[in-house]
Amino acid sequence: MKKSILLSITALIALSALTGCTRTSYAIHTNDGRTIVTDGKPQDAETGLLGYVDANGVKQQINKSDVKEISEVPKK
């Protein structure tokens, strides 16, 4: 019985560790020199806007015409 509980706890901890490492951040470089770091990949909208979740977890949008470049932030 103890062995199955220990195995379950170990599996839960391993799963938690893997899900925390899979999120990728992106850097949006704007034409005016700002850099916005996003949590997850920015999403294109048909309205000409680029939607993203900022570092504080707040959903934001920016005009695609204001975006110079989007790059993936390398993981440490």
Protein backbone atom coordinates (compact mmCIF):
# COMPACT_ATOMS: atom_id res chain seq x y z
CA MET A 1 0.00 0.00 0.00
CA LYS A 2 2.78 2.44 0.90
CA LYS A 3 4.56 1.64 -2.34
CA SER A 4 1.55 2.62 -4.48
CA ILE A 5 1.09 5.88 -2.56
CA LEU A 6 4.76 6.72 -2.95
CA LEU A 7 4.60 5.92 -6.66
CA SER A 8 1.53 8.15 -7.09
CA ILE A 9 3.19 11.06 -5.30
CA THR A 10 6.36 10.66 -7.36
CA ALA A 11 4.36 10.63 -10.60
CA LEU A 12 2.46 13.75 -9.54
CA ILE A 13 5.66 15.63 -8.73
CA ALA A 14 7.24 14.60 -12.05
CA LEU A 15 4.16 15.70 -13.98
CA SER A 16 4.14 19.06 -12.19
CA ALA A 17 7.79 19.63 -13.02
CA LEU A 18 7.25 18.84 -16.70
CA THR A 19 4.27 21.14 -17.11
CA GLY A 20 6.17 24.04 -15.56
CA CYS A 21 8.98 23.73 -18.08
CA THR A 22 6.96 23.55 -21.26
CA ARG A 23 5.80 27.18 -21.44
CA THR A 24 7.71 29.23 -24.00
CA SER A 25 8.13 32.99 -23.82
CA TYR A 26 8.42 35.31 -26.80
CA ALA A 27 9.85 38.81 -27.21
CA ILE A 28 7.89 41.29 -29.31
CA HIS A 29 10.18 44.04 -30.60
CA THR A 30 8.27 47.17 -31.60
CA ASN A 31 9.12 49.84 -34.15
CA ASP A 32 9.59 52.42 -31.37
CA GLY A 33 12.26 50.31 -29.61
CA ARG A 34 10.21 48.64 -26.87
CA THR A 35 10.53 44.94 -26.09
CA ILE A 36 7.50 43.11 -24.70
CA VAL A 37 8.01 39.67 -23.16
CA THR A 38 4.99 37.41 -23.50
CA ASP A 39 3.89 34.29 -21.67
CA GLY A 40 3.20 31.90 -24.54
CA LYS A 41 3.04 32.48 -28.28
CA PRO A 42 1.29 35.65 -29.50
CA GLN A 43 -1.87 35.04 -31.55
CA ASP A 44 -2.75 36.79 -34.81
CA ALA A 45 -6.24 38.26 -35.03
CA GLU A 46 -8.11 39.09 -38.24
CA THR A 47 -8.60 42.63 -36.96
CA GLY A 48 -4.95 43.58 -37.54
CA LEU A 49 -4.04 43.11 -33.90
CA LEU A 50 -1.63 40.73 -32.21
CA GLY A 51 -2.92 39.26 -28.95
CA TYR A 52 -0.61 38.10 -26.17
CA VAL A 53 -0.48 37.46 -22.44
CA ASP A 54 2.04 39.71 -20.71
CA ALA A 55 4.42 38.75 -17.89
CA ASN A 56 1.74 39.61 -15.30
CA GLY A 57 -0.80 37.24 -16.89
CA VAL A 58 -2.92 40.04 -18.38
CA LYS A 59 -4.27 39.69 -21.93
CA GLN A 60 -3.03 42.52 -24.16
CA GLN A 61 -3.17 43.49 -27.84
CA ILE A 62 -0.91 45.50 -30.10
CA ASN A 63 -1.25 46.65 -33.70
CA LYS A 64 0.63 44.36 -36.07
CA SER A 65 1.91 47.46 -37.89
CA ASP A 66 3.72 48.48 -34.66
CA VAL A 67 5.57 45.15 -34.45
CA LYS A 68 9.06 44.96 -35.95
CA GLU A 69 9.94 41.38 -34.99
CA ILE A 70 8.84 38.47 -32.79
CA SER A 71 11.45 36.09 -31.44
CA GLU A 72 11.41 33.11 -29.09
CA VAL A 73 13.17 33.69 -25.79
CA PRO A 74 15.72 30.91 -25.20
CA LYS A 75 15.15 28.78 -22.11
CA LYS A 76 17.78 28.76 -19.40
